[in-house]
Amino acid sequence: MADIFVRPYDQQRKPPTRLIVTALAVLVVTAAITGFWIWMDNRSANAPEVKPAEQPVKAPVASTPAAPSASAPAAAPDSRAQQLFTRAQSLAAAGNLIQARDLLGDVISTATDENLKSNATRVQGRINVQLFLSETPTSEKKSYVIQPGDSLDKIARLNKTTVDLIRKMNKIDGNLIYPGRRLLLPAAPFVVQVDKSTRTLDLTMNGKLFKRYIVGLGINGKTPTGHFTTVVHQTNPDWTPPGGGIIPFGDPRNVLGTRWMSIKDETRPDITGFGIHGTPLRDSIGAETSNGCVRMLNEDVEELFLLIPRGTEVVISE
């Protein structure tokens, strides 16, 4: 049987020493914390009050709309037209000429900035020529089937164009053609329109601008106005100056450049000696420097010479 231990009576009533010491320690710590917080409250209460520095109060200023500055920049060009122009250039560079030309037409019809419109017209004209001289069908070209007995010269005369242009448009070398072959030809005759006020030459078809060129004109307004037709078309022409004599092609004194197309008005036989020609004097383009003729850059007059036949209508207006 297990032993049973019973605490003596006098030991049960003796308070435990460890409990008394712990209680006293708790009381001392509590008193110390309480006294510290009382001391801090008294210190804060007796401290002098510090007021924030007074800030000056500004009177409200009435807002007035700013007057427009005289040096303020002009309004930006039509942003949509500029985006279309940039897109058209990218399409042209990628070979998408039809799409590029259509976008440039939108730029020309909607642009508010004249420089942008002029640039679009210039690029569109270059694309028009590139398309026209290709085998790509466009509205400026028609299809013709070669008949027995046809020749390039006969086809050119019947369709008011040139043999060189038919060759160029259809990639033909020489004069040999075969019945049944389909050719691309100009859909209608070109018309040349010269505007003296803007010093431009517009090549048009069916009243629509095909390409615009900058030209030089007669000094002091000497270029005649009216309706004319081209008569003599010459490559590498000699020049007969007003004082007489002949200056051959290649002579530095020859002002006709690489091409010459004389113009004539049957109702005014007194108007002679005028025409459209090239020039090596690039600075004379866009100015009044000739004796009355219409001057073009050599590369421009060579292009025009290829596109228009003898008998092309030329309209010169103020």
C-alpha atoms as a PDB file:
ATOM      1  CA  MET A   1       0.000   0.000   0.000  1.00  0.00           C
ATOM      2  CA  ALA A   2       1.335   3.423  -0.999  1.00  0.00           C
ATOM      3  CA  ASP A   3       2.350   5.889   1.642  1.00  0.00           C
ATOM      4  CA  ILE A   4       0.070   8.902   2.198  1.00  0.00           C
ATOM      5  CA  PHE A   5       1.773  12.185   3.117  1.00  0.00           C
ATOM      6  CA  VAL A   6      -0.187  14.743   5.167  1.00  0.00           C
ATOM      7  CA  ARG A   7       1.237  18.300   5.617  1.00  0.00           C
ATOM      8  CA  PRO A   8       1.384  19.315   9.227  1.00  0.00           C
ATOM      9  CA  TYR A   9      -1.182  21.833  10.291  1.00  0.00           C
ATOM     10  CA  ASP A  10       1.337  24.596  11.086  1.00  0.00           C
ATOM     11  CA  GLN A  11       2.955  24.397   7.585  1.00  0.00           C
ATOM     12  CA  GLN A  12      -0.410  24.823   5.762  1.00  0.00           C
ATOM     13  CA  ARG A  13      -1.082  28.236   7.263  1.00  0.00           C
ATOM     14  CA  LYS A  14       2.419  29.654   6.546  1.00  0.00           C
ATOM     15  CA  PRO A  15       2.202  32.091   3.591  1.00  0.00           C
ATOM     16  CA  PRO A  16       4.581  31.261   0.708  1.00  0.00           C
ATOM     17  CA  THR A  17       7.625  33.613   0.636  1.00  0.00           C
ATOM     18  CA  ARG A  18       8.017  33.505  -3.187  1.00  0.00           C
ATOM     19  CA  LEU A  19       4.456  34.776  -3.733  1.00  0.00           C
ATOM     20  CA  ILE A  20       4.949  37.741  -1.416  1.00  0.00           C
ATOM     21  CA  VAL A  21       8.175  38.806  -3.178  1.00  0.00           C
ATOM     22  CA  THR A  22       6.559  38.653  -6.633  1.00  0.00           C
ATOM     23  CA  ALA A  23       3.588  40.742  -5.539  1.00  0.00           C
ATOM     24  CA  LEU A  24       5.837  43.422  -4.061  1.00  0.00           C
ATOM     25  CA  ALA A  25       7.868  43.625  -7.294  1.00  0.00           C
ATOM     26  CA  VAL A  26       4.738  44.112  -9.391  1.00  0.00           C
ATOM     27  CA  LEU A  27       3.544  46.906  -7.092  1.00  0.00           C
ATOM     28  CA  VAL A  28       6.893  48.707  -7.318  1.00  0.00           C
ATOM     29  CA  VAL A  29       7.007  48.577 -11.151  1.00  0.00           C
ATOM     30  CA  THR A  30       3.383  49.748 -11.452  1.00  0.00           C
ATOM     31  CA  ALA A  31       4.018  52.689  -9.166  1.00  0.00           C
ATOM     32  CA  ALA A  32       7.094  53.697 -11.102  1.00  0.00           C
ATOM     33  CA  ILE A  33       5.277  53.697 -14.477  1.00  0.00           C
ATOM     34  CA  THR A  34       2.329  55.607 -13.053  1.00  0.00           C
ATOM     35  CA  GLY A  35       4.610  58.256 -11.566  1.00  0.00           C
ATOM     36  CA  PHE A  36       6.466  58.674 -14.904  1.00  0.00           C
ATOM     37  CA  TRP A  37       3.255  59.351 -16.855  1.00  0.00           C
ATOM     38  CA  ILE A  38       2.024  61.830 -14.209  1.00  0.00           C
ATOM     39  CA  TRP A  39       5.319  63.692 -14.446  1.00  0.00           C
ATOM     40  CA  MET A  40       5.086  63.878 -18.283  1.00  0.00           C
ATOM     41  CA  ASP A  41       1.512  65.233 -18.164  1.00  0.00           C
ATOM     42  CA  ASN A  42       2.519  67.963 -15.693  1.00  0.00           C
ATOM     43  CA  ARG A  43       5.465  68.961 -17.923  1.00  0.00           C
ATOM     44  CA  SER A  44       3.282  69.295 -21.001  1.00  0.00           C
ATOM     45  CA  ALA A  45       0.687  71.304 -19.122  1.00  0.00           C
ATOM     46  CA  ASN A  46       3.269  73.818 -17.865  1.00  0.00           C
ATOM     47  CA  ALA A  47       5.041  74.270 -21.210  1.00  0.00           C
ATOM     48  CA  PRO A  48       4.400  77.625 -22.994  1.00  0.00           C
ATOM     49  CA  GLU A  49       1.980  77.444 -25.942  1.00  0.00           C
ATOM     50  CA  VAL A  50       3.636  77.785 -29.355  1.00  0.00           C
ATOM     51  CA  LYS A  51       1.456  79.249 -32.073  1.00  0.00           C
ATOM     52  CA  PRO A  52       2.160  78.707 -35.756  1.00  0.00           C
ATOM     53  CA  ALA A  53       3.581  81.708 -37.561  1.00  0.00           C
ATOM     54  CA  GLU A  54       0.968  83.766 -39.286  1.00  0.00           C
ATOM     55  CA  GLN A  55       1.084  83.594 -43.084  1.00  0.00           C
ATOM     56  CA  PRO A  56       0.255  86.633 -45.170  1.00  0.00           C
ATOM     57  CA  VAL A  57      -3.088  86.335 -46.855  1.00  0.00           C
ATOM     58  CA  LYS A  58      -3.031  87.067 -50.607  1.00  0.00           C
ATOM     59  CA  ALA A  59      -5.980  88.765 -52.181  1.00  0.00           C
ATOM     60  CA  PRO A  60      -7.600  86.686 -54.910  1.00  0.00           C
ATOM     61  CA  VAL A  61      -6.587  87.729 -58.424  1.00  0.00           C
ATOM     62  CA  ALA A  62      -9.305  87.758 -61.050  1.00  0.00           C
ATOM     63  CA  SER A  63      -8.400  85.540 -63.994  1.00  0.00           C
ATOM     64  CA  THR A  64      -8.580  87.149 -67.432  1.00  0.00           C
ATOM     65  CA  PRO A  65      -8.143  85.385 -70.747  1.00  0.00           C
ATOM     66  CA  ALA A  66      -4.676  85.846 -72.204  1.00  0.00           C
ATOM     67  CA  ALA A  67      -4.519  87.998 -75.290  1.00  0.00           C
ATOM     68  CA  PRO A  68      -3.328  86.155 -78.389  1.00  0.00           C
ATOM     69  CA  SER A  69       0.348  86.744 -79.032  1.00  0.00           C
ATOM     70  CA  ALA A  70       1.333  88.221 -82.349  1.00  0.00           C
ATOM     71  CA  SER A  71       4.189  85.761 -82.545  1.00  0.00           C
ATOM     72  CA  ALA A  72       2.016  82.694 -81.836  1.00  0.00           C
ATOM     73  CA  PRO A  73       2.667  79.895 -84.353  1.00  0.00           C
ATOM     74  CA  ALA A  74       0.166  79.351 -87.132  1.00  0.00           C
ATOM     75  CA  ALA A  75      -2.240  76.477 -86.946  1.00  0.00           C
ATOM     76  CA  ALA A  76      -0.734  73.121 -87.921  1.00  0.00           C
ATOM     77  CA  PRO A  77      -1.633  71.666 -91.314  1.00  0.00           C
ATOM     78  CA  ASP A  78      -4.523  69.278 -91.564  1.00  0.00           C
ATOM     79  CA  SER A  79      -3.232  66.329 -89.546  1.00  0.00           C
ATOM     80  CA  ARG A  80      -5.390  63.776 -91.344  1.00  0.00           C
ATOM     81  CA  ALA A  81      -4.186  64.966 -94.750  1.00  0.00           C
ATOM     82  CA  GLN A  82      -0.582  64.751 -93.544  1.00  0.00           C
ATOM     83  CA  GLN A  83      -1.150  61.204 -92.336  1.00  0.00           C
ATOM     84  CA  LEU A  84      -2.661  60.272 -95.703  1.00  0.00           C
ATOM     85  CA  PHE A  85       0.317  61.815 -97.517  1.00  0.00           C
ATOM     86  CA  THR A  86       2.797  59.867 -95.395  1.00  0.00           C
ATOM     87  CA  ARG A  87       0.818  56.675 -95.956  1.00  0.00           C
ATOM     88  CA  ALA A  88       0.697  57.309 -99.717  1.00  0.00           C
ATOM     89  CA  GLN A  89       4.478  57.728 -99.857  1.00  0.00           C
ATOM     90  CA  SER A  90       4.944  54.432 -98.027  1.00  0.00           C
ATOM     91  CA  LEU A  91       2.566  52.670-100.426  1.00  0.00           C
ATOM     92  CA  ALA A  92       4.358  54.129-103.440  1.00  0.00           C
ATOM     93  CA  ALA A  93       7.733  53.012-102.096  1.00  0.00           C
ATOM     94  CA  ALA A  94       6.290  49.492-101.667  1.00  0.00           C
ATOM     95  CA  GLY A  95       5.016  49.457-105.268  1.00  0.00           C
ATOM     96  CA  ASN A  96       1.309  49.918-104.462  1.00  0.00           C
ATOM     97  CA  LEU A  97       0.939  52.757-106.957  1.00  0.00           C
ATOM     98  CA  ILE A  98      -2.834  52.627-107.481  1.00  0.00           C
ATOM     99  CA  GLN A  99      -3.551  52.861-103.748  1.00  0.00           C
ATOM    100  CA  ALA A 100      -0.933  55.576-103.316  1.00  0.00           C
ATOM    101  CA  ARG A 101      -2.451  57.640-106.136  1.00  0.00           C
ATOM    102  CA  ASP A 102      -5.948  57.361-104.670  1.00  0.00           C
ATOM    103  CA  LEU A 103      -4.758  58.510-101.240  1.00  0.00           C
ATOM    104  CA  LEU A 104      -2.929  61.453-102.795  1.00  0.00           C
ATOM    105  CA  GLY A 105      -6.180  62.443-104.479  1.00  0.00           C
ATOM    106  CA  ASP A 106      -7.794  62.582-101.033  1.00  0.00           C
ATOM    107  CA  VAL A 107      -4.930  64.752 -99.768  1.00  0.00           C
ATOM    108  CA  ILE A 108      -5.290  67.190-102.667  1.00  0.00           C
ATOM    109  CA  SER A 109      -9.052  67.496-102.163  1.00  0.00           C
ATOM    110  CA  THR A 110      -8.980  67.893 -98.370  1.00  0.00           C
ATOM    111  CA  ALA A 111      -5.659  69.506 -97.409  1.00  0.00           C
ATOM    112  CA  THR A 112      -5.786  73.037 -96.027  1.00  0.00           C
ATOM    113  CA  ASP A 113      -2.037  73.580 -96.214  1.00  0.00           C
ATOM    114  CA  GLU A 114      -0.930  74.724 -99.695  1.00  0.00           C
ATOM    115  CA  ASN A 115       2.565  73.261 -99.385  1.00  0.00           C
ATOM    116  CA  LEU A 116       1.135  69.871 -98.486  1.00  0.00           C
ATOM    117  CA  LYS A 117      -1.305  70.064-101.390  1.00  0.00           C
ATOM    118  CA  SER A 118       1.492  71.048-103.776  1.00  0.00           C
ATOM    119  CA  ASN A 119       3.698  68.168-102.618  1.00  0.00           C
ATOM    120  CA  ALA A 120       0.831  65.706-103.022  1.00  0.00           C
ATOM    121  CA  THR A 121       0.175  67.001-106.557  1.00  0.00           C
ATOM    122  CA  ARG A 122       3.849  66.598-107.448  1.00  0.00           C
ATOM    123  CA  VAL A 123       4.058  63.025-106.151  1.00  0.00           C
ATOM    124  CA  GLN A 124       0.749  62.070-107.768  1.00  0.00           C
ATOM    125  CA  GLY A 125       1.963  63.339-111.137  1.00  0.00           C
ATOM    126  CA  ARG A 126       5.099  61.242-110.910  1.00  0.00           C
ATOM    127  CA  ILE A 127       3.022  58.163-110.060  1.00  0.00           C
ATOM    128  CA  ASN A 128       0.617  58.882-112.932  1.00  0.00           C
ATOM    129  CA  VAL A 129       3.453  58.840-115.442  1.00  0.00           C
ATOM    130  CA  GLN A 130       4.945  55.700-113.921  1.00  0.00           C
ATOM    131  CA  LEU A 131       1.603  53.908-114.161  1.00  0.00           C
ATOM    132  CA  PHE A 132       0.910  55.237-117.645  1.00  0.00           C
ATOM    133  CA  LEU A 133       4.172  53.868-119.002  1.00  0.00           C
ATOM    134  CA  SER A 134       3.568  50.481-117.390  1.00  0.00           C
ATOM    135  CA  GLU A 135       1.342  47.609-118.501  1.00  0.00           C
ATOM    136  CA  THR A 136      -1.012  48.218-115.570  1.00  0.00           C
ATOM    137  CA  PRO A 137      -4.549  49.118-116.778  1.00  0.00           C
ATOM    138  CA  THR A 138      -5.735  52.520-115.546  1.00  0.00           C
ATOM    139  CA  SER A 139      -8.508  54.947-116.410  1.00  0.00           C
ATOM    140  CA  GLU A 140      -6.079  56.919-118.611  1.00  0.00           C
ATOM    141  CA  LYS A 141      -5.536  53.922-120.910  1.00  0.00           C
ATOM    142  CA  LYS A 142      -7.672  51.892-123.264  1.00  0.00           C
ATOM    143  CA  SER A 143      -7.206  48.506-124.873  1.00  0.00           C
ATOM    144  CA  TYR A 144      -6.735  48.046-128.629  1.00  0.00           C
ATOM    145  CA  VAL A 145      -6.528  44.766-130.580  1.00  0.00           C
ATOM    146  CA  ILE A 146      -4.093  44.865-133.515  1.00  0.00           C
ATOM    147  CA  GLN A 147      -5.863  44.308-136.836  1.00  0.00           C
ATOM    148  CA  PRO A 148      -4.426  42.818-140.033  1.00  0.00           C
ATOM    149  CA  GLY A 149      -2.661  45.581-141.963  1.00  0.00           C
ATOM    150  CA  ASP A 150      -1.970  47.671-138.865  1.00  0.00           C
ATOM    151  CA  SER A 151       1.374  49.306-138.205  1.00  0.00           C
ATOM    152  CA  LEU A 152       2.557  51.233-135.167  1.00  0.00           C
ATOM    153  CA  ASP A 153       2.523  54.461-137.170  1.00  0.00           C
ATOM    154  CA  LYS A 154      -1.054  53.855-138.343  1.00  0.00           C
ATOM    155  CA  ILE A 155      -2.252  52.993-134.828  1.00  0.00           C
ATOM    156  CA  ALA A 156      -0.525  56.101-133.436  1.00  0.00           C
ATOM    157  CA  ARG A 157      -2.138  58.425-135.997  1.00  0.00           C
ATOM    158  CA  LEU A 158      -5.616  56.936-135.539  1.00  0.00           C
ATOM    159  CA  ASN A 159      -5.380  57.282-131.761  1.00  0.00           C
ATOM    160  CA  LYS A 160      -3.621  60.686-131.649  1.00  0.00           C
ATOM    161  CA  THR A 161      -0.525  59.466-129.942  1.00  0.00           C
ATOM    162  CA  THR A 162       3.103  58.673-130.840  1.00  0.00           C
ATOM    163  CA  VAL A 163       4.899  55.510-131.914  1.00  0.00           C
ATOM    164  CA  ASP A 164       7.473  55.988-129.170  1.00  0.00           C
ATOM    165  CA  LEU A 165       4.738  56.170-126.533  1.00  0.00           C
ATOM    166  CA  ILE A 166       3.049  52.969-127.816  1.00  0.00           C
ATOM    167  CA  ARG A 167       6.388  51.190-127.667  1.00  0.00           C
ATOM    168  CA  LYS A 168       7.054  52.464-124.165  1.00  0.00           C
ATOM    169  CA  MET A 169       3.603  51.571-122.822  1.00  0.00           C
ATOM    170  CA  ASN A 170       3.658  48.053-124.273  1.00  0.00           C
ATOM    171  CA  LYS A 171       7.360  47.182-123.951  1.00  0.00           C
ATOM    172  CA  ILE A 172       7.803  46.814-127.728  1.00  0.00           C
ATOM    173  CA  ASP A 173      11.222  46.907-129.397  1.00  0.00           C
ATOM    174  CA  GLY A 174      11.256  47.900-133.048  1.00  0.00           C
ATOM    175  CA  ASN A 175       8.199  47.985-135.295  1.00  0.00           C
ATOM    176  CA  LEU A 176       7.154  44.347-135.514  1.00  0.00           C
ATOM    177  CA  ILE A 177       3.602  43.680-134.288  1.00  0.00           C
ATOM    178  CA  TYR A 178       1.165  40.781-134.730  1.00  0.00           C
ATOM    179  CA  PRO A 179      -2.593  40.822-135.438  1.00  0.00           C
ATOM    180  CA  GLY A 180      -4.634  39.785-132.450  1.00  0.00           C
ATOM    181  CA  ARG A 181      -2.217  41.186-129.898  1.00  0.00           C
ATOM    182  CA  ARG A 182      -3.784  43.573-127.414  1.00  0.00           C
ATOM    183  CA  LEU A 183      -2.160  46.985-126.909  1.00  0.00           C
ATOM    184  CA  LEU A 184      -2.631  49.683-124.278  1.00  0.00           C
ATOM    185  CA  LEU A 185      -3.139  53.177-125.703  1.00  0.00           C
ATOM    186  CA  PRO A 186      -4.010  56.611-124.271  1.00  0.00           C
ATOM    187  CA  ALA A 187      -7.726  56.700-123.507  1.00  0.00           C
ATOM    188  CA  ALA A 188      -8.033  60.281-124.785  1.00  0.00           C
ATOM    189  CA  PRO A 189      -5.821  63.061-126.171  1.00  0.00           C
ATOM    190  CA  PHE A 190      -3.726  65.075-123.720  1.00  0.00           C
ATOM    191  CA  VAL A 191      -4.237  68.840-123.415  1.00  0.00           C
ATOM    192  CA  VAL A 192      -1.536  71.258-122.247  1.00  0.00           C
ATOM    193  CA  GLN A 193      -2.635  74.190-120.051  1.00  0.00           C
ATOM    194  CA  VAL A 194      -0.155  76.922-119.111  1.00  0.00           C
ATOM    195  CA  ASP A 195      -1.039  79.330-116.291  1.00  0.00           C
ATOM    196  CA  LYS A 196       1.101  82.477-116.433  1.00  0.00           C
ATOM    197  CA  SER A 197       0.050  83.603-112.952  1.00  0.00           C
ATOM    198  CA  THR A 198       1.410  80.469-111.290  1.00  0.00           C
ATOM    199  CA  ARG A 199       4.069  79.668-113.925  1.00  0.00           C
ATOM    200  CA  THR A 200       2.876  76.113-114.228  1.00  0.00           C
ATOM    201  CA  LEU A 201       2.153  73.768-117.119  1.00  0.00           C
ATOM    202  CA  ASP A 202      -0.620  71.255-116.472  1.00  0.00           C
ATOM    203  CA  LEU A 203      -0.906  68.139-118.598  1.00  0.00           C
ATOM    204  CA  THR A 204      -4.553  67.066-118.517  1.00  0.00           C
ATOM    205  CA  MET A 205      -6.737  64.294-119.921  1.00  0.00           C
ATOM    206  CA  ASN A 206     -10.526  64.617-120.094  1.00  0.00           C
ATOM    207  CA  GLY A 207     -10.254  67.751-117.947  1.00  0.00           C
ATOM    208  CA  LYS A 208      -8.419  65.929-115.146  1.00  0.00           C
ATOM    209  CA  LEU A 209      -4.917  66.860-114.026  1.00  0.00           C
ATOM    210  CA  PHE A 210      -2.369  64.239-115.029  1.00  0.00           C
ATOM    211  CA  LYS A 211       0.872  66.004-114.115  1.00  0.00           C
ATOM    212  CA  ARG A 212       1.945  69.540-113.209  1.00  0.00           C
ATOM    213  CA  TYR A 213       5.289  71.065-114.183  1.00  0.00           C
ATOM    214  CA  ILE A 214       6.939  74.294-113.043  1.00  0.00           C
ATOM    215  CA  VAL A 215       8.002  76.378-116.058  1.00  0.00           C
ATOM    216  CA  GLY A 216       9.791  79.559-117.001  1.00  0.00           C
ATOM    217  CA  LEU A 217       8.007  82.186-119.091  1.00  0.00           C
ATOM    218  CA  GLY A 218       8.695  85.284-121.175  1.00  0.00           C
ATOM    219  CA  ILE A 219      10.204  88.312-119.556  1.00  0.00           C
ATOM    220  CA  ASN A 220       7.759  91.187-118.967  1.00  0.00           C
ATOM    221  CA  GLY A 221       4.800  88.957-119.847  1.00  0.00           C
ATOM    222  CA  LYS A 222       5.961  88.297-123.431  1.00  0.00           C
ATOM    223  CA  THR A 223       4.504  84.769-123.491  1.00  0.00           C
ATOM    224  CA  PRO A 224       1.352  85.008-125.658  1.00  0.00           C
ATOM    225  CA  THR A 225      -2.041  83.839-124.412  1.00  0.00           C
ATOM    226  CA  GLY A 226      -4.719  81.961-126.307  1.00  0.00           C
ATOM    227  CA  HIS A 227      -5.373  78.585-127.903  1.00  0.00           C
ATOM    228  CA  PHE A 228      -2.577  76.952-129.855  1.00  0.00           C
ATOM    229  CA  THR A 229      -1.525  73.573-131.222  1.00  0.00           C
ATOM    230  CA  THR A 230       1.935  72.073-131.356  1.00  0.00           C
ATOM    231  CA  VAL A 231       3.414  71.886-134.852  1.00  0.00           C
ATOM    232  CA  VAL A 232       7.093  70.964-135.071  1.00  0.00           C
ATOM    233  CA  HIS A 233       8.526  68.448-132.585  1.00  0.00           C
ATOM    234  CA  GLN A 234      12.323  68.239-132.608  1.00  0.00           C
ATOM    235  CA  THR A 235      14.892  66.268-130.651  1.00  0.00           C
ATOM    236  CA  ASN A 236      18.225  67.983-129.918  1.00  0.00           C
ATOM    237  CA  PRO A 237      17.167  71.124-131.813  1.00  0.00           C
ATOM    238  CA  ASP A 238      19.311  73.841-133.316  1.00  0.00           C
ATOM    239  CA  TRP A 239      18.345  77.374-132.306  1.00  0.00           C
ATOM    240  CA  THR A 240      17.648  80.292-134.587  1.00  0.00           C
ATOM    241  CA  PRO A 241      17.972  83.392-132.369  1.00  0.00           C
ATOM    242  CA  PRO A 242      15.926  86.555-133.079  1.00  0.00           C
ATOM    243  CA  GLY A 243      18.967  88.249-134.596  1.00  0.00           C
ATOM    244  CA  GLY A 244      19.395  85.514-137.204  1.00  0.00           C
ATOM    245  CA  GLY A 245      21.864  82.734-137.740  1.00  0.00           C
ATOM    246  CA  ILE A 246      21.822  79.178-136.431  1.00  0.00           C
ATOM    247  CA  ILE A 247      23.295  77.978-133.142  1.00  0.00           C
ATOM    248  CA  PRO A 248      23.623  74.184-133.253  1.00  0.00           C
ATOM    249  CA  PHE A 249      22.549  71.826-130.513  1.00  0.00           C
ATOM    250  CA  GLY A 250      25.296  71.375-127.961  1.00  0.00           C
ATOM    251  CA  ASP A 251      26.575  74.922-128.289  1.00  0.00           C
ATOM    252  CA  PRO A 252      26.483  76.611-124.853  1.00  0.00           C
ATOM    253  CA  ARG A 253      24.645  79.534-126.450  1.00  0.00           C
ATOM    254  CA  ASN A 254      21.767  77.286-127.543  1.00  0.00           C
ATOM    255  CA  VAL A 255      18.899  77.938-125.102  1.00  0.00           C
ATOM    256  CA  LEU A 256      16.485  75.281-126.380  1.00  0.00           C
ATOM    257  CA  GLY A 257      17.747  72.360-124.346  1.00  0.00           C
ATOM    258  CA  THR A 258      17.072  68.834-125.566  1.00  0.00           C
ATOM    259  CA  ARG A 259      13.544  69.209-127.016  1.00  0.00           C
ATOM    260  CA  TRP A 260      11.541  71.789-128.995  1.00  0.00           C
ATOM    261  CA  MET A 261       7.791  71.907-129.721  1.00  0.00           C
ATOM    262  CA  SER A 262       6.626  74.937-131.655  1.00  0.00           C
ATOM    263  CA  ILE A 263       3.092  76.274-131.096  1.00  0.00           C
ATOM    264  CA  LYS A 264       0.815  77.974-133.585  1.00  0.00           C
ATOM    265  CA  ASP A 265      -2.603  79.652-133.681  1.00  0.00           C
ATOM    266  CA  GLU A 266      -4.065  79.356-137.189  1.00  0.00           C
ATOM    267  CA  THR A 267      -6.206  82.446-136.596  1.00  0.00           C
ATOM    268  CA  ARG A 268      -3.202  84.599-135.631  1.00  0.00           C
ATOM    269  CA  PRO A 269      -0.422  83.931-138.162  1.00  0.00           C
ATOM    270  CA  ASP A 270       1.529  86.921-136.847  1.00  0.00           C
ATOM    271  CA  ILE A 271       2.371  85.043-133.621  1.00  0.00           C
ATOM    272  CA  THR A 272       5.416  83.034-134.628  1.00  0.00           C
ATOM    273  CA  GLY A 273       8.618  81.782-133.081  1.00  0.00           C
ATOM    274  CA  PHE A 274       7.047  80.623-129.806  1.00  0.00           C
ATOM    275  CA  GLY A 275       7.125  77.126-128.401  1.00  0.00           C
ATOM    276  CA  ILE A 276       7.800  74.807-125.503  1.00  0.00           C
ATOM    277  CA  HIS A 277      11.424  73.784-125.011  1.00  0.00           C
ATOM    278  CA  GLY A 278      13.983  72.580-122.515  1.00  0.00           C
ATOM    279  CA  THR A 279      16.805  74.454-120.881  1.00  0.00           C
ATOM    280  CA  PRO A 280      20.010  73.700-118.991  1.00  0.00           C
ATOM    281  CA  LEU A 281      19.457  76.910-116.991  1.00  0.00           C
ATOM    282  CA  ARG A 282      17.675  75.435-113.982  1.00  0.00           C
ATOM    283  CA  ASP A 283      17.461  78.757-112.158  1.00  0.00           C
ATOM    284  CA  SER A 284      15.321  80.179-114.951  1.00  0.00           C
ATOM    285  CA  ILE A 285      12.480  77.763-114.151  1.00  0.00           C
ATOM    286  CA  GLY A 286       9.702  79.459-112.205  1.00  0.00           C
ATOM    287  CA  ALA A 287      10.790  82.912-113.382  1.00  0.00           C
ATOM    288  CA  GLU A 288      10.258  85.258-116.323  1.00  0.00           C
ATOM    289  CA  THR A 289      13.513  84.919-118.233  1.00  0.00           C
ATOM    290  CA  SER A 290      12.748  83.733-121.798  1.00  0.00           C
ATOM    291  CA  ASN A 291      11.940  85.682-124.953  1.00  0.00           C
ATOM    292  CA  GLY A 292       8.344  84.455-124.694  1.00  0.00           C
ATOM    293  CA  CYS A 293       8.664  80.684-124.933  1.00  0.00           C
ATOM    294  CA  VAL A 294       7.642  78.222-122.257  1.00  0.00           C
ATOM    295  CA  ARG A 295      10.797  76.790-120.667  1.00  0.00           C
ATOM    296  CA  MET A 296      11.002  73.434-118.931  1.00  0.00           C
ATOM    297  CA  LEU A 297      13.756  71.440-117.295  1.00  0.00           C
ATOM    298  CA  ASN A 298      15.327  69.088-119.845  1.00  0.00           C
ATOM    299  CA  GLU A 299      14.066  65.987-118.013  1.00  0.00           C
ATOM    300  CA  ASP A 300      10.544  67.457-117.885  1.00  0.00           C
ATOM    301  CA  VAL A 301      10.382  68.484-121.533  1.00  0.00           C
ATOM    302  CA  GLU A 302      11.677  65.060-122.604  1.00  0.00           C
ATOM    303  CA  GLU A 303       8.825  63.434-120.660  1.00  0.00           C
ATOM    304  CA  LEU A 304       6.242  65.793-122.157  1.00  0.00           C
ATOM    305  CA  PHE A 305       7.714  65.237-125.641  1.00  0.00           C
ATOM    306  CA  LEU A 306       7.150  61.483-125.224  1.00  0.00           C
ATOM    307  CA  LEU A 307       3.546  61.873-124.049  1.00  0.00           C
ATOM    308  CA  ILE A 308       2.086  64.350-126.553  1.00  0.00           C
ATOM    309  CA  PRO A 309       1.976  64.085-130.376  1.00  0.00           C
ATOM    310  CA  ARG A 310       2.042  66.836-132.989  1.00  0.00           C
ATOM    311  CA  GLY A 311      -1.243  68.713-133.022  1.00  0.00           C
ATOM    312  CA  THR A 312      -1.714  68.675-129.229  1.00  0.00           C
ATOM    313  CA  GLU A 313      -3.892  71.501-127.946  1.00  0.00           C
ATOM    314  CA  VAL A 314      -2.072  74.135-125.843  1.00  0.00           C
ATOM    315  CA  VAL A 315      -4.010  76.717-123.827  1.00  0.00           C
ATOM    316  CA  ILE A 316      -2.076  79.636-122.315  1.00  0.00           C
ATOM    317  CA  SER A 317      -3.921  81.899-119.869  1.00  0.00           C
ATOM    318  CA  GLU A 318      -3.045  84.808-117.591  1.00  0.00           C
END
